[in-house]
Amino acid sequence: DLAYALEAGKGGTRPILVAVQAHIISYLLFTRETECTHLER
């Protein structure tokens, strides 16, 4: 259910992971070619 999500530990790296996570979700929802619905993507 969370295959799209990066695991983020505690500490100062979280902001970088969150920024990259936003691009990952954007790619998976709107860029990649698939026949799945948005949530299935």
PDB file of all heavy atoms in Angstrom:
ATOM      1  N   ASP A   1       0.812  -1.215   0.000  1.00  0.00           N
ATOM      2  CA  ASP A   1       0.000   0.000   0.000  1.00  0.00           C
ATOM      3  C   ASP A   1       0.848   1.268   0.000  1.00  0.00           C
ATOM      4  O   ASP A   1       0.402   2.322  -0.438  1.00  0.00           O
ATOM      5  CB  ASP A   1      -0.931   0.012   1.211  1.00  0.00           C
ATOM      6  CG  ASP A   1      -2.067  -0.989   1.073  1.00  0.00           C
ATOM      7  OD1 ASP A   1      -2.301  -1.487  -0.048  1.00  0.00           O
ATOM      8  OD2 ASP A   1      -2.726  -1.277   2.089  1.00  0.00           O
ATOM      9  N   LEU A   2       2.068   1.174   0.519  1.00  0.00           N
ATOM     10  CA  LEU A   2       2.955   2.340   0.578  1.00  0.00           C
ATOM     11  C   LEU A   2       4.195   2.159  -0.296  1.00  0.00           C
ATOM     12  O   LEU A   2       5.252   2.722  -0.007  1.00  0.00           O
ATOM     13  CB  LEU A   2       3.366   2.617   2.021  1.00  0.00           C
ATOM     14  CG  LEU A   2       2.249   3.024   2.978  1.00  0.00           C
ATOM     15  CD1 LEU A   2       2.770   3.108   4.402  1.00  0.00           C
ATOM     16  CD2 LEU A   2       1.627   4.336   2.545  1.00  0.00           C
ATOM     17  N   ALA A   3       4.065   1.423  -1.382  1.00  0.00           N
ATOM     18  CA  ALA A   3       5.204   1.128  -2.254  1.00  0.00           C
ATOM     19  C   ALA A   3       5.838   2.380  -2.843  1.00  0.00           C
ATOM     20  O   ALA A   3       7.003   2.382  -3.209  1.00  0.00           O
ATOM     21  CB  ALA A   3       4.777   0.189  -3.377  1.00  0.00           C
ATOM     22  N   TYR A   4       5.092   3.446  -2.928  1.00  0.00           N
ATOM     23  CA  TYR A   4       5.585   4.710  -3.485  1.00  0.00           C
ATOM     24  C   TYR A   4       6.367   5.531  -2.465  1.00  0.00           C
ATOM     25  O   TYR A   4       7.020   6.512  -2.820  1.00  0.00           O
ATOM     26  CB  TYR A   4       4.405   5.552  -3.981  1.00  0.00           C
ATOM     27  CG  TYR A   4       3.455   5.919  -2.870  1.00  0.00           C
ATOM     28  CD1 TYR A   4       3.633   7.089  -2.132  1.00  0.00           C
ATOM     29  CD2 TYR A   4       2.401   5.072  -2.515  1.00  0.00           C
ATOM     30  CE1 TYR A   4       2.773   7.408  -1.093  1.00  0.00           C
ATOM     31  CE2 TYR A   4       1.539   5.386  -1.482  1.00  0.00           C
ATOM     32  CZ  TYR A   4       1.735   6.560  -0.776  1.00  0.00           C
ATOM     33  OH  TYR A   4       0.894   6.875   0.264  1.00  0.00           O
ATOM     34  N   ALA A   5       6.324   5.173  -1.199  1.00  0.00           N
ATOM     35  CA  ALA A   5       6.838   6.013  -0.126  1.00  0.00           C
ATOM     36  C   ALA A   5       8.285   5.709   0.247  1.00  0.00           C
ATOM     37  O   ALA A   5       8.676   4.554   0.381  1.00  0.00           O
ATOM     38  CB  ALA A   5       5.961   5.867   1.115  1.00  0.00           C
ATOM     39  N   LEU A   6       9.050   6.779   0.432  1.00  0.00           N
ATOM     40  CA  LEU A   6      10.398   6.645   0.963  1.00  0.00           C
ATOM     41  C   LEU A   6      10.321   6.540   2.482  1.00  0.00           C
ATOM     42  O   LEU A   6       9.479   7.176   3.110  1.00  0.00           O
ATOM     43  CB  LEU A   6      11.242   7.874   0.604  1.00  0.00           C
ATOM     44  CG  LEU A   6      11.579   8.070  -0.865  1.00  0.00           C
ATOM     45  CD1 LEU A   6      12.259   9.415  -1.060  1.00  0.00           C
ATOM     46  CD2 LEU A   6      12.465   6.937  -1.364  1.00  0.00           C
ATOM     47  N   GLU A   7      11.199   5.744   3.056  1.00  0.00           N
ATOM     48  CA  GLU A   7      11.294   5.662   4.511  1.00  0.00           C
ATOM     49  C   GLU A   7      12.223   6.772   4.975  1.00  0.00           C
ATOM     50  O   GLU A   7      13.307   6.943   4.434  1.00  0.00           O
ATOM     51  CB  GLU A   7      11.835   4.305   4.938  1.00  0.00           C
ATOM     52  CG  GLU A   7      10.875   3.166   4.657  1.00  0.00           C
ATOM     53  CD  GLU A   7      11.390   1.834   5.168  1.00  0.00           C
ATOM     54  OE1 GLU A   7      12.354   1.816   5.964  1.00  0.00           O
ATOM     55  OE2 GLU A   7      10.829   0.814   4.759  1.00  0.00           O
ATOM     56  N   ALA A   8      11.788   7.528   5.953  1.00  0.00           N
ATOM     57  CA  ALA A   8      12.587   8.639   6.457  1.00  0.00           C
ATOM     58  C   ALA A   8      12.857   8.433   7.938  1.00  0.00           C
ATOM     59  O   ALA A   8      11.932   8.316   8.730  1.00  0.00           O
ATOM     60  CB  ALA A   8      11.859   9.960   6.237  1.00  0.00           C
ATOM     61  N   GLY A   9      14.113   8.394   8.280  1.00  0.00           N
ATOM     62  CA  GLY A   9      14.485   8.295   9.683  1.00  0.00           C
ATOM     63  C   GLY A   9      14.440   9.661  10.339  1.00  0.00           C
ATOM     64  O   GLY A   9      14.047  10.654   9.726  1.00  0.00           O
ATOM     65  N   LYS A  10      14.837   9.713  11.566  1.00  0.00           N
ATOM     66  CA  LYS A  10      14.883  10.989  12.279  1.00  0.00           C
ATOM     67  C   LYS A  10      16.134  11.746  11.849  1.00  0.00           C
ATOM     68  O   LYS A  10      17.104  11.167  11.408  1.00  0.00           O
ATOM     69  CB  LYS A  10      14.903  10.741  13.783  1.00  0.00           C
ATOM     70  CG  LYS A  10      13.635  10.100  14.290  1.00  0.00           C
ATOM     71  CD  LYS A  10      13.704   9.868  15.774  1.00  0.00           C
ATOM     72  CE  LYS A  10      12.407   9.209  16.245  1.00  0.00           C
ATOM     73  NZ  LYS A  10      12.431   8.923  17.661  1.00  0.00           N
ATOM     74  N   GLY A  11      16.085  13.041  12.024  1.00  0.00           N
ATOM     75  CA  GLY A  11      17.278  13.829  11.759  1.00  0.00           C
ATOM     76  C   GLY A  11      17.147  14.779  10.594  1.00  0.00           C
ATOM     77  O   GLY A  11      16.080  14.953  10.014  1.00  0.00           O
ATOM     78  N   GLY A  12      18.276  15.354  10.240  1.00  0.00           N
ATOM     79  CA  GLY A  12      18.328  16.426   9.274  1.00  0.00           C
ATOM     80  C   GLY A  12      18.117  16.053   7.832  1.00  0.00           C
ATOM     81  O   GLY A  12      18.047  16.929   6.975  1.00  0.00           O
ATOM     82  N   THR A  13      18.026  14.772   7.512  1.00  0.00           N
ATOM     83  CA  THR A  13      17.874  14.371   6.109  1.00  0.00           C
ATOM     84  C   THR A  13      16.422  14.415   5.645  1.00  0.00           C
ATOM     85  O   THR A  13      16.165  14.339   4.455  1.00  0.00           O
ATOM     86  CB  THR A  13      18.426  12.959   5.868  1.00  0.00           C
ATOM     87  OG1 THR A  13      17.699  12.023   6.669  1.00  0.00           O
ATOM     88  CG2 THR A  13      19.902  12.879   6.205  1.00  0.00           C
ATOM     89  N   ARG A  14      15.492  14.541   6.552  1.00  0.00           N
ATOM     90  CA  ARG A  14      14.067  14.517   6.197  1.00  0.00           C
ATOM     91  C   ARG A  14      13.670  15.540   5.142  1.00  0.00           C
ATOM     92  O   ARG A  14      12.919  15.209   4.234  1.00  0.00           O
ATOM     93  CB  ARG A  14      13.201  14.679   7.427  1.00  0.00           C
ATOM     94  CG  ARG A  14      12.984  13.395   8.156  1.00  0.00           C
ATOM     95  CD  ARG A  14      11.983  13.580   9.265  1.00  0.00           C
ATOM     96  NE  ARG A  14      11.590  12.280   9.769  1.00  0.00           N
ATOM     97  CZ  ARG A  14      10.825  12.105  10.795  1.00  0.00           C
ATOM     98  NH1 ARG A  14      10.342  13.149  11.442  1.00  0.00           N
ATOM     99  NH2 ARG A  14      10.508  10.898  11.199  1.00  0.00           N
ATOM    100  N   PRO A  15      14.114  16.796   5.228  1.00  0.00           N
ATOM    101  CA  PRO A  15      13.712  17.762   4.195  1.00  0.00           C
ATOM    102  C   PRO A  15      14.110  17.339   2.781  1.00  0.00           C
ATOM    103  O   PRO A  15      13.346  17.534   1.834  1.00  0.00           O
ATOM    104  CB  PRO A  15      14.419  19.057   4.609  1.00  0.00           C
ATOM    105  CG  PRO A  15      14.638  18.911   6.077  1.00  0.00           C
ATOM    106  CD  PRO A  15      14.879  17.446   6.295  1.00  0.00           C
ATOM    107  N   ILE A  16      15.275  16.747   2.648  1.00  0.00           N
ATOM    108  CA  ILE A  16      15.704  16.283   1.329  1.00  0.00           C
ATOM    109  C   ILE A  16      14.814  15.138   0.871  1.00  0.00           C
ATOM    110  O   ILE A  16      14.359  15.098  -0.280  1.00  0.00           O
ATOM    111  CB  ILE A  16      17.188  15.858   1.357  1.00  0.00           C
ATOM    112  CG1 ILE A  16      18.064  17.095   1.564  1.00  0.00           C
ATOM    113  CG2 ILE A  16      17.577  15.121   0.077  1.00  0.00           C
ATOM    114  CD1 ILE A  16      19.519  16.814   1.738  1.00  0.00           C
ATOM    115  N   LEU A  17      14.538  14.189   1.761  1.00  0.00           N
ATOM    116  CA  LEU A  17      13.688  13.053   1.404  1.00  0.00           C
ATOM    117  C   LEU A  17      12.275  13.506   1.031  1.00  0.00           C
ATOM    118  O   LEU A  17      11.676  12.979   0.093  1.00  0.00           O
ATOM    119  CB  LEU A  17      13.651  12.044   2.550  1.00  0.00           C
ATOM    120  CG  LEU A  17      14.975  11.339   2.850  1.00  0.00           C
ATOM    121  CD1 LEU A  17      14.866  10.530   4.127  1.00  0.00           C
ATOM    122  CD2 LEU A  17      15.400  10.464   1.692  1.00  0.00           C
ATOM    123  N   VAL A  18      11.749  14.497   1.736  1.00  0.00           N
ATOM    124  CA  VAL A  18      10.400  14.999   1.447  1.00  0.00           C
ATOM    125  C   VAL A  18      10.359  15.658   0.070  1.00  0.00           C
ATOM    126  O   VAL A  18       9.409  15.460  -0.694  1.00  0.00           O
ATOM    127  CB  VAL A  18       9.935  15.972   2.553  1.00  0.00           C
ATOM    128  CG1 VAL A  18       8.688  16.714   2.147  1.00  0.00           C
ATOM    129  CG2 VAL A  18       9.702  15.214   3.846  1.00  0.00           C
ATOM    130  N   ALA A  19      11.375  16.425  -0.265  1.00  0.00           N
ATOM    131  CA  ALA A  19      11.415  17.074  -1.577  1.00  0.00           C
ATOM    132  C   ALA A  19      11.475  16.040  -2.699  1.00  0.00           C
ATOM    133  O   ALA A  19      10.765  16.152  -3.703  1.00  0.00           O
ATOM    134  CB  ALA A  19      12.605  18.023  -1.657  1.00  0.00           C
ATOM    135  N   VAL A  20      12.300  15.026  -2.524  1.00  0.00           N
ATOM    136  CA  VAL A  20      12.396  13.966  -3.528  1.00  0.00           C
ATOM    137  C   VAL A  20      11.087  13.174  -3.580  1.00  0.00           C
ATOM    138  O   VAL A  20      10.610  12.812  -4.665  1.00  0.00           O
ATOM    139  CB  VAL A  20      13.609  13.050  -3.236  1.00  0.00           C
ATOM    140  CG1 VAL A  20      13.616  11.826  -4.134  1.00  0.00           C
ATOM    141  CG2 VAL A  20      14.905  13.842  -3.384  1.00  0.00           C
ATOM    142  N   GLN A  21      10.478  12.934  -2.428  1.00  0.00           N
ATOM    143  CA  GLN A  21       9.207  12.203  -2.368  1.00  0.00           C
ATOM    144  C   GLN A  21       8.130  12.906  -3.202  1.00  0.00           C
ATOM    145  O   GLN A  21       7.351  12.261  -3.892  1.00  0.00           O
ATOM    146  CB  GLN A  21       8.737  12.067  -0.922  1.00  0.00           C
ATOM    147  CG  GLN A  21       7.433  11.307  -0.762  1.00  0.00           C
ATOM    148  CD  GLN A  21       7.581   9.825  -1.078  1.00  0.00           C
ATOM    149  OE1 GLN A  21       8.131   9.085  -0.290  1.00  0.00           O
ATOM    150  NE2 GLN A  21       7.089   9.401  -2.218  1.00  0.00           N
ATOM    151  N   ALA A  22       8.082  14.219  -3.146  1.00  0.00           N
ATOM    152  CA  ALA A  22       7.093  14.967  -3.924  1.00  0.00           C
ATOM    153  C   ALA A  22       7.266  14.718  -5.418  1.00  0.00           C
ATOM    154  O   ALA A  22       6.279  14.513  -6.147  1.00  0.00           O
ATOM    155  CB  ALA A  22       7.198  16.461  -3.615  1.00  0.00           C
ATOM    156  N   HIS A  23       8.502  14.683  -5.881  1.00  0.00           N
ATOM    157  CA  HIS A  23       8.766  14.406  -7.304  1.00  0.00           C
ATOM    158  C   HIS A  23       8.414  12.964  -7.660  1.00  0.00           C
ATOM    159  O   HIS A  23       7.933  12.699  -8.761  1.00  0.00           O
ATOM    160  CB  HIS A  23      10.223  14.703  -7.642  1.00  0.00           C
ATOM    161  CG  HIS A  23      10.534  16.154  -7.775  1.00  0.00           C
ATOM    162  ND1 HIS A  23      10.269  16.869  -8.923  1.00  0.00           N
ATOM    163  CD2 HIS A  23      11.068  17.027  -6.899  1.00  0.00           C
ATOM    164  CE1 HIS A  23      10.645  18.122  -8.751  1.00  0.00           C
ATOM    165  NE2 HIS A  23      11.120  18.247  -7.523  1.00  0.00           N
ATOM    166  N   ILE A  24       8.656  12.046  -6.740  1.00  0.00           N
ATOM    167  CA  ILE A  24       8.317  10.634  -6.981  1.00  0.00           C
ATOM    168  C   ILE A  24       6.813  10.481  -7.167  1.00  0.00           C
ATOM    169  O   ILE A  24       6.351   9.834  -8.114  1.00  0.00           O
ATOM    170  CB  ILE A  24       8.832   9.742  -5.824  1.00  0.00           C
ATOM    171  CG1 ILE A  24      10.350   9.641  -5.880  1.00  0.00           C
ATOM    172  CG2 ILE A  24       8.188   8.360  -5.865  1.00  0.00           C
ATOM    173  CD1 ILE A  24      10.982   8.989  -4.667  1.00  0.00           C
ATOM    174  N   ILE A  25       6.043  11.066  -6.276  1.00  0.00           N
ATOM    175  CA  ILE A  25       4.582  10.957  -6.369  1.00  0.00           C
ATOM    176  C   ILE A  25       4.081  11.612  -7.654  1.00  0.00           C
ATOM    177  O   ILE A  25       3.225  11.062  -8.345  1.00  0.00           O
ATOM    178  CB  ILE A  25       3.911  11.559  -5.121  1.00  0.00           C
ATOM    179  CG1 ILE A  25       4.202  10.657  -3.910  1.00  0.00           C
ATOM    180  CG2 ILE A  25       2.414  11.720  -5.325  1.00  0.00           C
ATOM    181  CD1 ILE A  25       3.737  11.221  -2.588  1.00  0.00           C
ATOM    182  N   SER A  26       4.623  12.759  -7.992  1.00  0.00           N
ATOM    183  CA  SER A  26       4.232  13.440  -9.232  1.00  0.00           C
ATOM    184  C   SER A  26       4.506  12.553 -10.443  1.00  0.00           C
ATOM    185  O   SER A  26       3.664  12.416 -11.343  1.00  0.00           O
ATOM    186  CB  SER A  26       4.989  14.762  -9.349  1.00  0.00           C
ATOM    187  OG  SER A  26       4.732  15.359 -10.583  1.00  0.00           O
ATOM    188  N   TYR A  27       5.675  11.943 -10.478  1.00  0.00           N
ATOM    189  CA  TYR A  27       6.023  11.047 -11.587  1.00  0.00           C
ATOM    190  C   TYR A  27       5.072   9.853 -11.651  1.00  0.00           C
ATOM    191  O   TYR A  27       4.551   9.523 -12.718  1.00  0.00           O
ATOM    192  CB  TYR A  27       7.474  10.565 -11.445  1.00  0.00           C
ATOM    193  CG  TYR A  27       7.806   9.434 -12.381  1.00  0.00           C
ATOM    194  CD1 TYR A  27       8.077   9.680 -13.723  1.00  0.00           C
ATOM    195  CD2 TYR A  27       7.837   8.118 -11.940  1.00  0.00           C
ATOM    196  CE1 TYR A  27       8.373   8.650 -14.594  1.00  0.00           C
ATOM    197  CE2 TYR A  27       8.133   7.076 -12.799  1.00  0.00           C
ATOM    198  CZ  TYR A  27       8.396   7.341 -14.126  1.00  0.00           C
ATOM    199  OH  TYR A  27       8.677   6.310 -14.991  1.00  0.00           O
ATOM    200  N   LEU A  28       4.845   9.211 -10.519  1.00  0.00           N
ATOM    201  CA  LEU A  28       3.996   8.017 -10.504  1.00  0.00           C
ATOM    202  C   LEU A  28       2.549   8.326 -10.858  1.00  0.00           C
ATOM    203  O   LEU A  28       1.880   7.516 -11.505  1.00  0.00           O
ATOM    204  CB  LEU A  28       4.069   7.339  -9.131  1.00  0.00           C
ATOM    205  CG  LEU A  28       5.409   6.702  -8.776  1.00  0.00           C
ATOM    206  CD1 LEU A  28       5.397   6.213  -7.338  1.00  0.00           C
ATOM    207  CD2 LEU A  28       5.760   5.572  -9.731  1.00  0.00           C
ATOM    208  N   LEU A  29       2.051   9.468 -10.460  1.00  0.00           N
ATOM    209  CA  LEU A  29       0.651   9.815 -10.738  1.00  0.00           C
ATOM    210  C   LEU A  29       0.426  10.387 -12.129  1.00  0.00           C
ATOM    211  O   LEU A  29      -0.579  10.082 -12.766  1.00  0.00           O
ATOM    212  CB  LEU A  29       0.142  10.823  -9.702  1.00  0.00           C
ATOM    213  CG  LEU A  29      -0.179  10.285  -8.325  1.00  0.00           C
ATOM    214  CD1 LEU A  29      -0.596  11.423  -7.406  1.00  0.00           C
ATOM    215  CD2 LEU A  29      -1.255   9.221  -8.375  1.00  0.00           C
ATOM    216  N   PHE A  30       1.337  11.219 -12.601  1.00  0.00           N
ATOM    217  CA  PHE A  30       1.038  12.006 -13.789  1.00  0.00           C
ATOM    218  C   PHE A  30       1.935  11.774 -14.989  1.00  0.00           C
ATOM    219  O   PHE A  30       1.589  12.174 -16.090  1.00  0.00           O
ATOM    220  CB  PHE A  30       1.072  13.496 -13.430  1.00  0.00           C
ATOM    221  CG  PHE A  30       0.176  13.831 -12.268  1.00  0.00           C
ATOM    222  CD1 PHE A  30       0.712  14.297 -11.084  1.00  0.00           C
ATOM    223  CD2 PHE A  30      -1.200  13.659 -12.351  1.00  0.00           C
ATOM    224  CE1 PHE A  30      -0.107  14.609 -10.002  1.00  0.00           C
ATOM    225  CE2 PHE A  30      -2.018  13.959 -11.277  1.00  0.00           C
ATOM    226  CZ  PHE A  30      -1.473  14.432 -10.106  1.00  0.00           C
ATOM    227  N   THR A  31       3.078  11.148 -14.817  1.00  0.00           N
ATOM    228  CA  THR A  31       4.016  11.015 -15.929  1.00  0.00           C
ATOM    229  C   THR A  31       4.080   9.597 -16.483  1.00  0.00           C
ATOM    230  O   THR A  31       4.026   9.407 -17.693  1.00  0.00           O
ATOM    231  CB  THR A  31       5.425  11.461 -15.494  1.00  0.00           C
ATOM    232  OG1 THR A  31       5.347  12.773 -14.956  1.00  0.00           O
ATOM    233  CG2 THR A  31       6.378  11.452 -16.669  1.00  0.00           C
ATOM    234  N   ARG A  32       4.170   8.651 -15.633  1.00  0.00           N
ATOM    235  CA  ARG A  32       4.387   7.270 -16.070  1.00  0.00           C
ATOM    236  C   ARG A  32       3.154   6.727 -16.764  1.00  0.00           C
ATOM    237  O   ARG A  32       2.021   7.012 -16.386  1.00  0.00           O
ATOM    238  CB  ARG A  32       4.818   6.475 -14.849  1.00  0.00           C
ATOM    239  CG  ARG A  32       4.225   5.159 -14.621  1.00  0.00           C
ATOM    240  CD  ARG A  32       4.758   4.576 -13.339  1.00  0.00           C
ATOM    241  NE  ARG A  32       3.725   4.575 -12.344  1.00  0.00           N
ATOM    242  CZ  ARG A  32       3.199   3.456 -11.857  1.00  0.00           C
ATOM    243  NH1 ARG A  32       3.636   2.294 -12.230  1.00  0.00           N
ATOM    244  NH2 ARG A  32       2.238   3.527 -10.975  1.00  0.00           N
ATOM    245  N   GLU A  33       3.389   5.940 -17.801  1.00  0.00           N
ATOM    246  CA  GLU A  33       2.304   5.336 -18.582  1.00  0.00           C
ATOM    247  C   GLU A  33       1.818   4.053 -17.901  1.00  0.00           C
ATOM    248  O   GLU A  33       2.596   3.142 -17.662  1.00  0.00           O
ATOM    249  CB  GLU A  33       2.796   4.995 -19.990  1.00  0.00           C
ATOM    250  CG  GLU A  33       3.228   6.195 -20.801  1.00  0.00           C
ATOM    251  CD  GLU A  33       2.062   7.077 -21.195  1.00  0.00           C
ATOM    252  OE1 GLU A  33       0.966   6.546 -21.432  1.00  0.00           O
ATOM    253  OE2 GLU A  33       2.259   8.312 -21.258  1.00  0.00           O
ATOM    254  N   THR A  34       0.536   4.011 -17.569  1.00  0.00           N
ATOM    255  CA  THR A  34      -0.066   2.825 -16.976  1.00  0.00           C
ATOM    256  C   THR A  34      -1.578   2.905 -17.145  1.00  0.00           C
ATOM    257  O   THR A  34      -2.133   3.977 -17.342  1.00  0.00           O
ATOM    258  CB  THR A  34       0.301   2.689 -15.479  1.00  0.00           C
ATOM    259  OG1 THR A  34      -0.309   1.521 -14.948  1.00  0.00           O
ATOM    260  CG2 THR A  34      -0.137   3.892 -14.689  1.00  0.00           C
ATOM    261  N   GLU A  35      -2.216   1.755 -17.068  1.00  0.00           N
ATOM    262  CA  GLU A  35      -3.672   1.711 -17.207  1.00  0.00           C
ATOM    263  C   GLU A  35      -4.384   1.791 -15.855  1.00  0.00           C
ATOM    264  O   GLU A  35      -5.606   1.806 -15.796  1.00  0.00           O
ATOM    265  CB  GLU A  35      -4.079   0.419 -17.916  1.00  0.00           C
ATOM    266  CG  GLU A  35      -3.569   0.346 -19.345  1.00  0.00           C
ATOM    267  CD  GLU A  35      -3.900  -0.975 -20.013  1.00  0.00           C
ATOM    268  OE1 GLU A  35      -4.586  -1.814 -19.405  1.00  0.00           O
ATOM    269  OE2 GLU A  35      -3.456  -1.164 -21.152  1.00  0.00           O
ATOM    270  N   CYS A  36      -3.650   1.863 -14.787  1.00  0.00           N
ATOM    271  CA  CYS A  36      -4.224   1.877 -13.442  1.00  0.00           C
ATOM    272  C   CYS A  36      -4.840   3.246 -13.134  1.00  0.00           C
ATOM    273  O   CYS A  36      -4.467   4.262 -13.705  1.00  0.00           O
ATOM    274  CB  CYS A  36      -3.149   1.576 -12.404  1.00  0.00           C
ATOM    275  SG  CYS A  36      -2.366  -0.026 -12.608  1.00  0.00           S
ATOM    276  N   THR A  37      -5.778   3.243 -12.182  1.00  0.00           N
ATOM    277  CA  THR A  37      -6.330   4.500 -11.684  1.00  0.00           C
ATOM    278  C   THR A  37      -5.260   5.201 -10.848  1.00  0.00           C
ATOM    279  O   THR A  37      -4.224   4.614 -10.528  1.00  0.00           O
ATOM    280  CB  THR A  37      -7.565   4.250 -10.796  1.00  0.00           C
ATOM    281  OG1 THR A  37      -7.154   3.551  -9.619  1.00  0.00           O
ATOM    282  CG2 THR A  37      -8.641   3.491 -11.542  1.00  0.00           C
ATOM    283  N   HIS A  38      -5.521   6.433 -10.460  1.00  0.00           N
ATOM    284  CA  HIS A  38      -4.515   7.212  -9.730  1.00  0.00           C
ATOM    285  C   HIS A  38      -4.054   6.525  -8.450  1.00  0.00           C
ATOM    286  O   HIS A  38      -2.864   6.437  -8.184  1.00  0.00           O
ATOM    287  CB  HIS A  38      -5.042   8.607  -9.410  1.00  0.00           C
ATOM    288  CG  HIS A  38      -5.056   9.497 -10.604  1.00  0.00           C
ATOM    289  ND1 HIS A  38      -3.936   9.791 -11.315  1.00  0.00           N
ATOM    290  CD2 HIS A  38      -6.068  10.147 -11.223  1.00  0.00           C
ATOM    291  CE1 HIS A  38      -4.218  10.583 -12.316  1.00  0.00           C
ATOM    292  NE2 HIS A  38      -5.522  10.819 -12.290  1.00  0.00           N
ATOM    293  N   LEU A  39      -4.978   6.028  -7.640  1.00  0.00           N
ATOM    294  CA  LEU A  39      -4.560   5.373  -6.399  1.00  0.00           C
ATOM    295  C   LEU A  39      -3.857   4.052  -6.669  1.00  0.00           C
ATOM    296  O   LEU A  39      -2.901   3.704  -5.974  1.00  0.00           O
ATOM    297  CB  LEU A  39      -5.764   5.175  -5.475  1.00  0.00           C
ATOM    298  CG  LEU A  39      -6.331   6.461  -4.884  1.00  0.00           C
ATOM    299  CD1 LEU A  39      -7.558   6.155  -4.031  1.00  0.00           C
ATOM    300  CD2 LEU A  39      -5.289   7.193  -4.063  1.00  0.00           C
ATOM    301  N   GLU A  40      -4.316   3.315  -7.669  1.00  0.00           N
ATOM    302  CA  GLU A  40      -3.652   2.060  -8.013  1.00  0.00           C
ATOM    303  C   GLU A  40      -2.240   2.303  -8.522  1.00  0.00           C
ATOM    304  O   GLU A  40      -1.352   1.481  -8.330  1.00  0.00           O
ATOM    305  CB  GLU A  40      -4.453   1.301  -9.070  1.00  0.00           C
ATOM    306  CG  GLU A  40      -5.759   0.719  -8.569  1.00  0.00           C
ATOM    307  CD  GLU A  40      -6.590   0.123  -9.699  1.00  0.00           C
ATOM    308  OE1 GLU A  40      -6.466   0.584 -10.849  1.00  0.00           O
ATOM    309  OE2 GLU A  40      -7.364  -0.797  -9.421  1.00  0.00           O
ATOM    310  N   ARG A  41      -2.033   3.451  -9.177  1.00  0.00           N
ATOM    311  CA  ARG A  41      -0.701   3.785  -9.688  1.00  0.00           C
ATOM    312  C   ARG A  41       0.317   3.838  -8.555  1.00  0.00           C
ATOM    313  O   ARG A  41       1.477   3.507  -8.734  1.00  0.00           O
ATOM    314  CB  ARG A  41      -0.713   5.146 -10.379  1.00  0.00           C
ATOM    315  CG  ARG A  41      -1.369   5.155 -11.703  1.00  0.00           C
ATOM    316  CD  ARG A  41      -1.351   6.569 -12.269  1.00  0.00           C
ATOM    317  NE  ARG A  41      -2.103   6.612 -13.491  1.00  0.00           N
ATOM    318  CZ  ARG A  41      -1.684   7.209 -14.594  1.00  0.00           C
ATOM    319  NH1 ARG A  41      -0.541   7.840 -14.589  1.00  0.00           N
ATOM    320  NH2 ARG A  41      -2.409   7.199 -15.674  1.00  0.00           N
TER     321      ARG A  41
END
